[in-house]
Amino acid sequence: MANAPAASHALAVLRLLARHTEPVPASAIARDLDLPRSSVYHLLTVLGDQGFVVHLAEERRYGLGVAAFELGSAYTRQAPLQRLARQPLVRLVDATGHNAHLAVLHGRDVLYVIEERAHGRPPLVTDVGVRLPSQMTASGLAMLASLPPQQVRALFPSRDAFVQRHGVGPTTLPGLRAVLSRVRQDGFAVEDGTVTPNFSSVAAPVLDHSGHPVAGVAVTYPATEVTADQRRAIAEQVIRTATDLTHRVRGRA
C-alpha cells in the first residue's frame, strides 16, 4: 500500500466508517486519519460515485453505501473465514482432545459458524447457527475485550442489555469492563458454567488488519475433567490457533 497512497487512504476511510455505529462528519474523518480535508472530500466524492459511501446532506455526515453492503454480502456467501479456520480448528481439537468452535459477533450476540467435535465428546449448545449473548461466552468476551470502550458501551447501554442464562455472568457495564480488563491482561477469556453448567470454555480473538476482532476461537470441556495446568495448556493452544488465524486473515499465512 505504500506505493498506492490513494488506495490506502480510500480503504482507511471505509474502515473508519465501518468502525462507527453512526455516520461520521468529514471533519472527523480528516482528524482521525490525519489527512487534509480537501483530500478527504475528494476521497468521499470518488467513493460516493462508486456507491461505497453515501452523503447524508441534512446531517452533514457520511456513512457506508450499498456497494459496501454488497461486498459484505459477497464475503458472507464465499465464507472465506470458515474456509481459513476449518483446518486450524481440526488441529486444535487434535491437540486438546476437546470440542472447538469459531464464533463471530453479531450485534450483542455471538453467532457460531464452526463447531469441530472431538471424538467421543458430546454435542454442545454452541452448534453452528446458534446465537448466544456475547457477554456470557468465552468467545464473546475475547472479542469484546478487543473492541474500543465506546463500542462496548454502545452495545451494552443499560442493564436490560445483559441477558443471563443460569444466573451467572456480568450484569452491569462496570462489571463487564472488569471482566474484559482481565481478558486483556491474560490474553484469553474464560467462561465457567455460564452457558452450560459443569462445562467451561477458553477463547482468544482473531483480529483483522486494523486490530478489529473478526472472530473468536474457543475450546469447551467438562470442568471436572481439566486441571488448572491442563487449562493453561488448552489456553496456549487456543491462543496459538487464534494467532495463526489472525495471520491467515491478514494474508500472512
C-alpha atoms as a PDB file:
ATOM      1  CA  MET A   1       0.000   0.000   0.000  1.00  0.00           C
ATOM      2  CA  ALA A   2       2.947   2.320   0.444  1.00  0.00           C
ATOM      3  CA  ASN A   3       3.144   2.648  -3.351  1.00  0.00           C
ATOM      4  CA  ALA A   4      -0.600   3.356  -3.688  1.00  0.00           C
ATOM      5  CA  PRO A   5      -1.428   6.091  -1.169  1.00  0.00           C
ATOM      6  CA  ALA A   6      -4.795   6.958  -2.735  1.00  0.00           C
ATOM      7  CA  ALA A   7      -5.962   3.364  -2.469  1.00  0.00           C
ATOM      8  CA  SER A   8      -4.589   3.130   1.059  1.00  0.00           C
ATOM      9  CA  HIS A   9      -6.410   6.299   2.115  1.00  0.00           C
ATOM     10  CA  ALA A  10      -9.679   5.182   0.496  1.00  0.00           C
ATOM     11  CA  LEU A  11      -9.540   1.888   2.368  1.00  0.00           C
ATOM     12  CA  ALA A  12      -8.734   3.759   5.585  1.00  0.00           C
ATOM     13  CA  VAL A  13     -11.868   5.870   5.111  1.00  0.00           C
ATOM     14  CA  LEU A  14     -14.010   2.756   4.603  1.00  0.00           C
ATOM     15  CA  ARG A  15     -12.527   1.057   7.651  1.00  0.00           C
ATOM     16  CA  LEU A  16     -13.140   4.144   9.771  1.00  0.00           C
ATOM     17  CA  LEU A  17     -16.776   4.343   8.660  1.00  0.00           C
ATOM     18  CA  ALA A  18     -17.196   0.627   9.339  1.00  0.00           C
ATOM     19  CA  ARG A  19     -15.955   1.042  12.925  1.00  0.00           C
ATOM     20  CA  HIS A  20     -18.651   3.590  13.769  1.00  0.00           C
ATOM     21  CA  THR A  21     -22.259   2.764  14.524  1.00  0.00           C
ATOM     22  CA  GLU A  22     -23.404   6.137  13.152  1.00  0.00           C
ATOM     23  CA  PRO A  23     -22.469   8.219  10.065  1.00  0.00           C
ATOM     24  CA  VAL A  24     -19.414  10.456  10.553  1.00  0.00           C
ATOM     25  CA  PRO A  25     -18.683  14.110   9.595  1.00  0.00           C
ATOM     26  CA  ALA A  26     -15.937  14.681   7.031  1.00  0.00           C
ATOM     27  CA  SER A  27     -14.059  16.820   9.559  1.00  0.00           C
ATOM     28  CA  ALA A  28     -13.903  13.885  11.988  1.00  0.00           C
ATOM     29  CA  ILE A  29     -12.656  11.584   9.221  1.00  0.00           C
ATOM     30  CA  ALA A  30      -9.903  14.051   8.338  1.00  0.00           C
ATOM     31  CA  ARG A  31      -8.939  14.428  12.010  1.00  0.00           C
ATOM     32  CA  ASP A  32      -8.916  10.714  12.840  1.00  0.00           C
ATOM     33  CA  LEU A  33      -6.963   9.770   9.705  1.00  0.00           C
ATOM     34  CA  ASP A  34      -4.678  12.826   9.890  1.00  0.00           C
ATOM     35  CA  LEU A  35      -5.488  13.773   6.284  1.00  0.00           C
ATOM     36  CA  PRO A  36      -6.135  17.184   4.690  1.00  0.00           C
ATOM     37  CA  ARG A  37      -9.843  17.982   4.447  1.00  0.00           C
ATOM     38  CA  SER A  38      -9.513  18.557   0.714  1.00  0.00           C
ATOM     39  CA  SER A  39      -8.140  15.046   0.274  1.00  0.00           C
ATOM     40  CA  VAL A  40     -10.890  13.557   2.409  1.00  0.00           C
ATOM     41  CA  TYR A  41     -13.615  15.332   0.421  1.00  0.00           C
ATOM     42  CA  HIS A  42     -12.048  14.081  -2.815  1.00  0.00           C
ATOM     43  CA  LEU A  43     -11.940  10.513  -1.493  1.00  0.00           C
ATOM     44  CA  LEU A  44     -15.528  10.714  -0.269  1.00  0.00           C
ATOM     45  CA  THR A  45     -16.661  12.005  -3.666  1.00  0.00           C
ATOM     46  CA  VAL A  46     -14.961   9.149  -5.523  1.00  0.00           C
ATOM     47  CA  LEU A  47     -16.243   6.553  -3.056  1.00  0.00           C
ATOM     48  CA  GLY A  48     -19.701   8.083  -3.269  1.00  0.00           C
ATOM     49  CA  ASP A  49     -19.694   7.934  -7.074  1.00  0.00           C
ATOM     50  CA  GLN A  50     -18.946   4.209  -6.817  1.00  0.00           C
ATOM     51  CA  GLY A  51     -21.639   3.579  -4.211  1.00  0.00           C
ATOM     52  CA  PHE A  52     -19.322   2.739  -1.315  1.00  0.00           C
ATOM     53  CA  VAL A  53     -20.180   5.897   0.617  1.00  0.00           C
ATOM     54  CA  VAL A  54     -23.420   7.821   0.977  1.00  0.00           C
ATOM     55  CA  HIS A  55     -23.598  11.517   1.878  1.00  0.00           C
ATOM     56  CA  LEU A  56     -26.357  12.423   4.333  1.00  0.00           C
ATOM     57  CA  ALA A  57     -26.637  16.064   3.341  1.00  0.00           C
ATOM     58  CA  GLU A  58     -29.079  17.126   6.065  1.00  0.00           C
ATOM     59  CA  GLU A  59     -26.856  15.665   8.781  1.00  0.00           C
ATOM     60  CA  ARG A  60     -23.600  16.704   7.070  1.00  0.00           C
ATOM     61  CA  ARG A  61     -22.278  13.216   7.642  1.00  0.00           C
ATOM     62  CA  TYR A  62     -21.061  10.230   5.643  1.00  0.00           C
ATOM     63  CA  GLY A  63     -21.928   6.562   6.005  1.00  0.00           C
ATOM     64  CA  LEU A  64     -21.292   3.307   4.170  1.00  0.00           C
ATOM     65  CA  GLY A  65     -23.177   2.864   0.894  1.00  0.00           C
ATOM     66  CA  VAL A  66     -24.908  -0.033  -0.822  1.00  0.00           C
ATOM     67  CA  ALA A  67     -21.729  -1.164  -2.604  1.00  0.00           C
ATOM     68  CA  ALA A  68     -20.072  -1.720   0.783  1.00  0.00           C
ATOM     69  CA  PHE A  69     -23.052  -3.860   1.806  1.00  0.00           C
ATOM     70  CA  GLU A  70     -22.761  -5.839  -1.426  1.00  0.00           C
ATOM     71  CA  LEU A  71     -19.103  -6.543  -0.674  1.00  0.00           C
ATOM     72  CA  GLY A  72     -20.026  -7.716   2.804  1.00  0.00           C
ATOM     73  CA  SER A  73     -22.751  -9.945   1.386  1.00  0.00           C
ATOM     74  CA  ALA A  74     -20.306 -11.435  -1.116  1.00  0.00           C
ATOM     75  CA  TYR A  75     -17.890 -12.124   1.736  1.00  0.00           C
ATOM     76  CA  THR A  76     -20.676 -13.955   3.587  1.00  0.00           C
ATOM     77  CA  ARG A  77     -21.556 -16.027   0.523  1.00  0.00           C
ATOM     78  CA  GLN A  78     -17.966 -17.083  -0.057  1.00  0.00           C
ATOM     79  CA  ALA A  79     -17.443 -17.842   3.662  1.00  0.00           C
ATOM     80  CA  PRO A  80     -13.649 -17.324   3.494  1.00  0.00           C
ATOM     81  CA  LEU A  81     -13.345 -17.115   7.276  1.00  0.00           C
ATOM     82  CA  GLN A  82     -14.836 -20.582   7.686  1.00  0.00           C
ATOM     83  CA  ARG A  83     -12.574 -21.918   4.946  1.00  0.00           C
ATOM     84  CA  LEU A  84      -9.499 -20.404   6.571  1.00  0.00           C
ATOM     85  CA  ALA A  85     -10.446 -21.683  10.025  1.00  0.00           C
ATOM     86  CA  ARG A  86     -11.521 -25.266   9.325  1.00  0.00           C
ATOM     87  CA  GLN A  87      -8.123 -26.993   9.357  1.00  0.00           C
ATOM     88  CA  PRO A  88      -6.670 -24.936  12.250  1.00  0.00           C
ATOM     89  CA  LEU A  89      -9.725 -25.931  14.330  1.00  0.00           C
ATOM     90  CA  VAL A  90      -9.254 -29.586  13.391  1.00  0.00           C
ATOM     91  CA  ARG A  91      -5.663 -29.336  14.621  1.00  0.00           C
ATOM     92  CA  LEU A  92      -6.846 -27.578  17.788  1.00  0.00           C
ATOM     93  CA  VAL A  93      -9.241 -30.443  18.546  1.00  0.00           C
ATOM     94  CA  ASP A  94      -6.477 -32.975  17.932  1.00  0.00           C
ATOM     95  CA  ALA A  95      -4.136 -31.083  20.266  1.00  0.00           C
ATOM     96  CA  THR A  96      -6.619 -30.666  23.132  1.00  0.00           C
ATOM     97  CA  GLY A  97      -8.992 -33.610  22.779  1.00  0.00           C
ATOM     98  CA  HIS A  98     -11.974 -31.305  23.317  1.00  0.00           C
ATOM     99  CA  ASN A  99     -14.601 -29.615  21.166  1.00  0.00           C
ATOM    100  CA  ALA A 100     -13.580 -26.383  19.444  1.00  0.00           C
ATOM    101  CA  HIS A 101     -15.657 -23.721  17.750  1.00  0.00           C
ATOM    102  CA  LEU A 102     -15.447 -20.433  15.880  1.00  0.00           C
ATOM    103  CA  ALA A 103     -17.889 -17.590  16.541  1.00  0.00           C
ATOM    104  CA  VAL A 104     -18.403 -14.072  15.180  1.00  0.00           C
ATOM    105  CA  LEU A 105     -20.010 -11.025  16.770  1.00  0.00           C
ATOM    106  CA  HIS A 106     -23.491 -10.163  15.563  1.00  0.00           C
ATOM    107  CA  GLY A 107     -24.709  -7.146  17.482  1.00  0.00           C
ATOM    108  CA  ARG A 108     -24.662  -8.090  21.182  1.00  0.00           C
ATOM    109  CA  ASP A 109     -24.697 -11.796  20.306  1.00  0.00           C
ATOM    110  CA  VAL A 110     -22.152 -14.292  19.105  1.00  0.00           C
ATOM    111  CA  LEU A 111     -23.053 -16.459  16.127  1.00  0.00           C
ATOM    112  CA  TYR A 112     -21.353 -19.836  15.938  1.00  0.00           C
ATOM    113  CA  VAL A 113     -20.114 -20.593  12.424  1.00  0.00           C
ATOM    114  CA  ILE A 114     -17.973 -23.709  13.014  1.00  0.00           C
ATOM    115  CA  GLU A 115     -18.114 -26.470  15.607  1.00  0.00           C
ATOM    116  CA  GLU A 116     -15.395 -29.100  15.392  1.00  0.00           C
ATOM    117  CA  ARG A 117     -16.294 -32.002  17.649  1.00  0.00           C
ATOM    118  CA  ALA A 118     -13.697 -34.203  19.321  1.00  0.00           C
ATOM    119  CA  HIS A 119     -14.159 -37.956  19.056  1.00  0.00           C
ATOM    120  CA  GLY A 120     -16.410 -39.283  21.787  1.00  0.00           C
ATOM    121  CA  ARG A 121     -17.311 -35.839  23.094  1.00  0.00           C
ATOM    122  CA  PRO A 122     -20.988 -34.886  23.489  1.00  0.00           C
ATOM    123  CA  PRO A 123     -22.638 -32.192  21.321  1.00  0.00           C
ATOM    124  CA  LEU A 124     -22.800 -28.729  22.851  1.00  0.00           C
ATOM    125  CA  VAL A 125     -25.304 -25.894  22.759  1.00  0.00           C
ATOM    126  CA  THR A 126     -22.768 -23.962  20.663  1.00  0.00           C
ATOM    127  CA  ASP A 127     -23.773 -25.634  17.391  1.00  0.00           C
ATOM    128  CA  VAL A 128     -23.451 -23.927  14.011  1.00  0.00           C
ATOM    129  CA  GLY A 129     -26.082 -21.198  13.592  1.00  0.00           C
ATOM    130  CA  VAL A 130     -26.738 -20.816  17.340  1.00  0.00           C
ATOM    131  CA  ARG A 131     -26.706 -17.292  18.810  1.00  0.00           C
ATOM    132  CA  LEU A 132     -25.887 -16.524  22.423  1.00  0.00           C
ATOM    133  CA  PRO A 133     -25.382 -13.263  24.350  1.00  0.00           C
ATOM    134  CA  SER A 134     -21.730 -12.345  23.839  1.00  0.00           C
ATOM    135  CA  GLN A 135     -21.002 -11.413  27.456  1.00  0.00           C
ATOM    136  CA  MET A 136     -21.961 -14.947  28.548  1.00  0.00           C
ATOM    137  CA  THR A 137     -19.488 -16.743  26.296  1.00  0.00           C
ATOM    138  CA  ALA A 138     -15.709 -17.020  26.252  1.00  0.00           C
ATOM    139  CA  SER A 139     -15.671 -16.298  22.507  1.00  0.00           C
ATOM    140  CA  GLY A 140     -17.790 -13.195  23.025  1.00  0.00           C
ATOM    141  CA  LEU A 141     -15.670 -11.897  25.898  1.00  0.00           C
ATOM    142  CA  ALA A 142     -12.492 -12.431  23.865  1.00  0.00           C
ATOM    143  CA  MET A 143     -13.911 -10.320  21.029  1.00  0.00           C
ATOM    144  CA  LEU A 144     -15.475  -7.658  23.259  1.00  0.00           C
ATOM    145  CA  ALA A 145     -12.128  -7.170  25.014  1.00  0.00           C
ATOM    146  CA  SER A 146     -10.630  -6.177  21.641  1.00  0.00           C
ATOM    147  CA  LEU A 147     -13.267  -3.539  20.873  1.00  0.00           C
ATOM    148  CA  PRO A 148     -12.927   0.170  21.721  1.00  0.00           C
ATOM    149  CA  PRO A 149     -14.566   1.026  25.089  1.00  0.00           C
ATOM    150  CA  GLN A 150     -17.111   3.302  23.413  1.00  0.00           C
ATOM    151  CA  GLN A 151     -18.280   0.467  21.180  1.00  0.00           C
ATOM    152  CA  VAL A 152     -18.728  -1.833  24.157  1.00  0.00           C
ATOM    153  CA  ARG A 153     -20.718   0.931  25.851  1.00  0.00           C
ATOM    154  CA  ALA A 154     -22.912   1.288  22.746  1.00  0.00           C
ATOM    155  CA  LEU A 155     -23.587  -2.449  22.727  1.00  0.00           C
ATOM    156  CA  PHE A 156     -24.485  -2.508  26.432  1.00  0.00           C
ATOM    157  CA  PRO A 157     -26.180   0.836  27.189  1.00  0.00           C
ATOM    158  CA  SER A 158     -28.232  -0.388  30.181  1.00  0.00           C
ATOM    159  CA  ARG A 159     -28.903  -3.335  32.488  1.00  0.00           C
ATOM    160  CA  ASP A 160     -31.584  -4.534  30.080  1.00  0.00           C
ATOM    161  CA  ALA A 161     -28.835  -5.425  27.599  1.00  0.00           C
ATOM    162  CA  PHE A 162     -27.359  -8.028  29.961  1.00  0.00           C
ATOM    163  CA  VAL A 163     -29.084 -11.363  29.442  1.00  0.00           C
ATOM    164  CA  GLN A 164     -28.288 -14.282  31.731  1.00  0.00           C
ATOM    165  CA  ARG A 165     -28.761 -17.993  31.154  1.00  0.00           C
ATOM    166  CA  HIS A 166     -28.068 -19.582  34.544  1.00  0.00           C
ATOM    167  CA  GLY A 167     -27.911 -16.567  36.836  1.00  0.00           C
ATOM    168  CA  VAL A 168     -24.177 -16.008  36.428  1.00  0.00           C
ATOM    169  CA  GLY A 169     -22.037 -13.569  34.442  1.00  0.00           C
ATOM    170  CA  PRO A 170     -21.745  -9.755  34.343  1.00  0.00           C
ATOM    171  CA  THR A 171     -24.974  -7.784  34.691  1.00  0.00           C
ATOM    172  CA  THR A 172     -23.676  -4.195  34.505  1.00  0.00           C
ATOM    173  CA  LEU A 173     -21.285  -2.259  32.271  1.00  0.00           C
ATOM    174  CA  PRO A 174     -18.736  -1.729  35.104  1.00  0.00           C
ATOM    175  CA  GLY A 175     -18.874  -5.461  35.840  1.00  0.00           C
ATOM    176  CA  LEU A 176     -18.341  -6.292  32.176  1.00  0.00           C
ATOM    177  CA  ARG A 177     -15.457  -3.817  31.939  1.00  0.00           C
ATOM    178  CA  ALA A 178     -13.743  -5.523  34.883  1.00  0.00           C
ATOM    179  CA  VAL A 179     -14.062  -8.904  33.150  1.00  0.00           C
ATOM    180  CA  LEU A 180     -12.751  -7.505  29.863  1.00  0.00           C
ATOM    181  CA  SER A 181      -9.791  -5.915  31.641  1.00  0.00           C
ATOM    182  CA  ARG A 182      -8.846  -9.342  32.983  1.00  0.00           C
ATOM    183  CA  VAL A 183      -9.205 -10.838  29.492  1.00  0.00           C
ATOM    184  CA  ARG A 184      -6.806  -8.256  28.062  1.00  0.00           C
ATOM    185  CA  GLN A 185      -4.379  -8.890  30.915  1.00  0.00           C
ATOM    186  CA  ASP A 186      -4.433 -12.681  30.468  1.00  0.00           C
ATOM    187  CA  GLY A 187      -4.575 -12.713  26.670  1.00  0.00           C
ATOM    188  CA  PHE A 188      -7.570 -15.073  26.669  1.00  0.00           C
ATOM    189  CA  ALA A 189     -11.116 -15.289  28.012  1.00  0.00           C
ATOM    190  CA  VAL A 190     -12.670 -17.953  30.211  1.00  0.00           C
ATOM    191  CA  GLU A 191     -16.242 -18.964  30.925  1.00  0.00           C
ATOM    192  CA  ASP A 192     -17.228 -21.364  33.708  1.00  0.00           C
ATOM    193  CA  GLY A 193     -20.770 -22.725  33.639  1.00  0.00           C
ATOM    194  CA  THR A 194     -22.285 -19.528  32.256  1.00  0.00           C
ATOM    195  CA  VAL A 195     -23.555 -21.192  29.077  1.00  0.00           C
ATOM    196  CA  THR A 196     -23.882 -24.804  30.253  1.00  0.00           C
ATOM    197  CA  PRO A 197     -23.476 -25.932  33.884  1.00  0.00           C
ATOM    198  CA  ASN A 198     -20.362 -28.055  34.520  1.00  0.00           C
ATOM    199  CA  PHE A 199     -18.747 -27.003  31.235  1.00  0.00           C
ATOM    200  CA  SER A 200     -16.035 -24.390  30.797  1.00  0.00           C
ATOM    201  CA  SER A 201     -14.509 -22.637  27.785  1.00  0.00           C
ATOM    202  CA  VAL A 202     -11.304 -20.812  26.905  1.00  0.00           C
ATOM    203  CA  ALA A 203     -11.212 -18.389  23.946  1.00  0.00           C
ATOM    204  CA  ALA A 204      -8.966 -15.933  22.108  1.00  0.00           C
ATOM    205  CA  PRO A 205      -9.770 -13.352  19.401  1.00  0.00           C
ATOM    206  CA  VAL A 206      -8.919 -13.378  15.698  1.00  0.00           C
ATOM    207  CA  LEU A 207      -8.001  -9.834  14.588  1.00  0.00           C
ATOM    208  CA  ASP A 208      -8.051  -8.159  11.189  1.00  0.00           C
ATOM    209  CA  HIS A 209      -5.532  -5.652   9.804  1.00  0.00           C
ATOM    210  CA  SER A 210      -6.901  -2.856  11.987  1.00  0.00           C
ATOM    211  CA  GLY A 211      -6.980  -4.918  15.173  1.00  0.00           C
ATOM    212  CA  HIS A 212     -10.768  -5.384  14.992  1.00  0.00           C
ATOM    213  CA  PRO A 213     -11.976  -8.789  16.250  1.00  0.00           C
ATOM    214  CA  VAL A 214     -13.459 -10.750  13.327  1.00  0.00           C
ATOM    215  CA  ALA A 215     -13.950 -13.990  15.259  1.00  0.00           C
ATOM    216  CA  GLY A 216     -13.319 -15.854  18.480  1.00  0.00           C
ATOM    217  CA  VAL A 217     -11.707 -19.296  18.740  1.00  0.00           C
ATOM    218  CA  ALA A 218     -12.711 -21.393  21.734  1.00  0.00           C
ATOM    219  CA  VAL A 219     -12.363 -24.838  23.269  1.00  0.00           C
ATOM    220  CA  THR A 220     -15.083 -26.187  25.572  1.00  0.00           C
ATOM    221  CA  TYR A 221     -14.516 -29.011  28.047  1.00  0.00           C
ATOM    222  CA  PRO A 222     -16.138 -30.677  31.099  1.00  0.00           C
ATOM    223  CA  ALA A 223     -14.928 -28.573  34.019  1.00  0.00           C
ATOM    224  CA  THR A 224     -14.286 -31.521  36.343  1.00  0.00           C
ATOM    225  CA  GLU A 225     -12.010 -33.289  33.830  1.00  0.00           C
ATOM    226  CA  VAL A 226      -9.464 -30.497  33.421  1.00  0.00           C
ATOM    227  CA  THR A 227      -6.863 -29.413  35.971  1.00  0.00           C
ATOM    228  CA  ALA A 228      -5.514 -25.875  36.275  1.00  0.00           C
ATOM    229  CA  ASP A 229      -2.322 -26.881  34.464  1.00  0.00           C
ATOM    230  CA  GLN A 230      -4.320 -28.535  31.674  1.00  0.00           C
ATOM    231  CA  ARG A 231      -6.459 -25.426  31.348  1.00  0.00           C
ATOM    232  CA  ARG A 232      -3.361 -23.303  30.876  1.00  0.00           C
ATOM    233  CA  ALA A 233      -2.162 -25.732  28.220  1.00  0.00           C
ATOM    234  CA  ILE A 234      -5.534 -25.513  26.451  1.00  0.00           C
ATOM    235  CA  ALA A 235      -5.370 -21.712  26.613  1.00  0.00           C
ATOM    236  CA  GLU A 236      -1.932 -21.789  24.983  1.00  0.00           C
ATOM    237  CA  GLN A 237      -3.263 -23.949  22.155  1.00  0.00           C
ATOM    238  CA  VAL A 238      -6.269 -21.659  21.686  1.00  0.00           C
ATOM    239  CA  ILE A 239      -4.050 -18.558  21.562  1.00  0.00           C
ATOM    240  CA  ARG A 240      -1.744 -20.288  19.074  1.00  0.00           C
ATOM    241  CA  THR A 241      -4.713 -21.133  16.830  1.00  0.00           C
ATOM    242  CA  ALA A 242      -6.167 -17.609  17.076  1.00  0.00           C
ATOM    243  CA  THR A 243      -2.760 -16.126  16.210  1.00  0.00           C
ATOM    244  CA  ASP A 244      -2.482 -18.470  13.220  1.00  0.00           C
ATOM    245  CA  LEU A 245      -5.932 -17.396  12.020  1.00  0.00           C
ATOM    246  CA  THR A 246      -5.062 -13.726  12.528  1.00  0.00           C
ATOM    247  CA  HIS A 247      -2.086 -14.180  10.201  1.00  0.00           C
ATOM    248  CA  ARG A 248      -4.293 -16.004   7.697  1.00  0.00           C
ATOM    249  CA  VAL A 249      -6.950 -13.281   7.758  1.00  0.00           C
ATOM    250  CA  ARG A 250      -4.225 -10.693   7.176  1.00  0.00           C
ATOM    251  CA  GLY A 251      -2.840 -12.731   4.278  1.00  0.00           C
ATOM    252  CA  ARG A 252       0.394 -13.666   6.020  1.00  0.00           C
ATOM    253  CA  ALA A 253      -0.064 -17.433   6.261  1.00  0.00           C
END
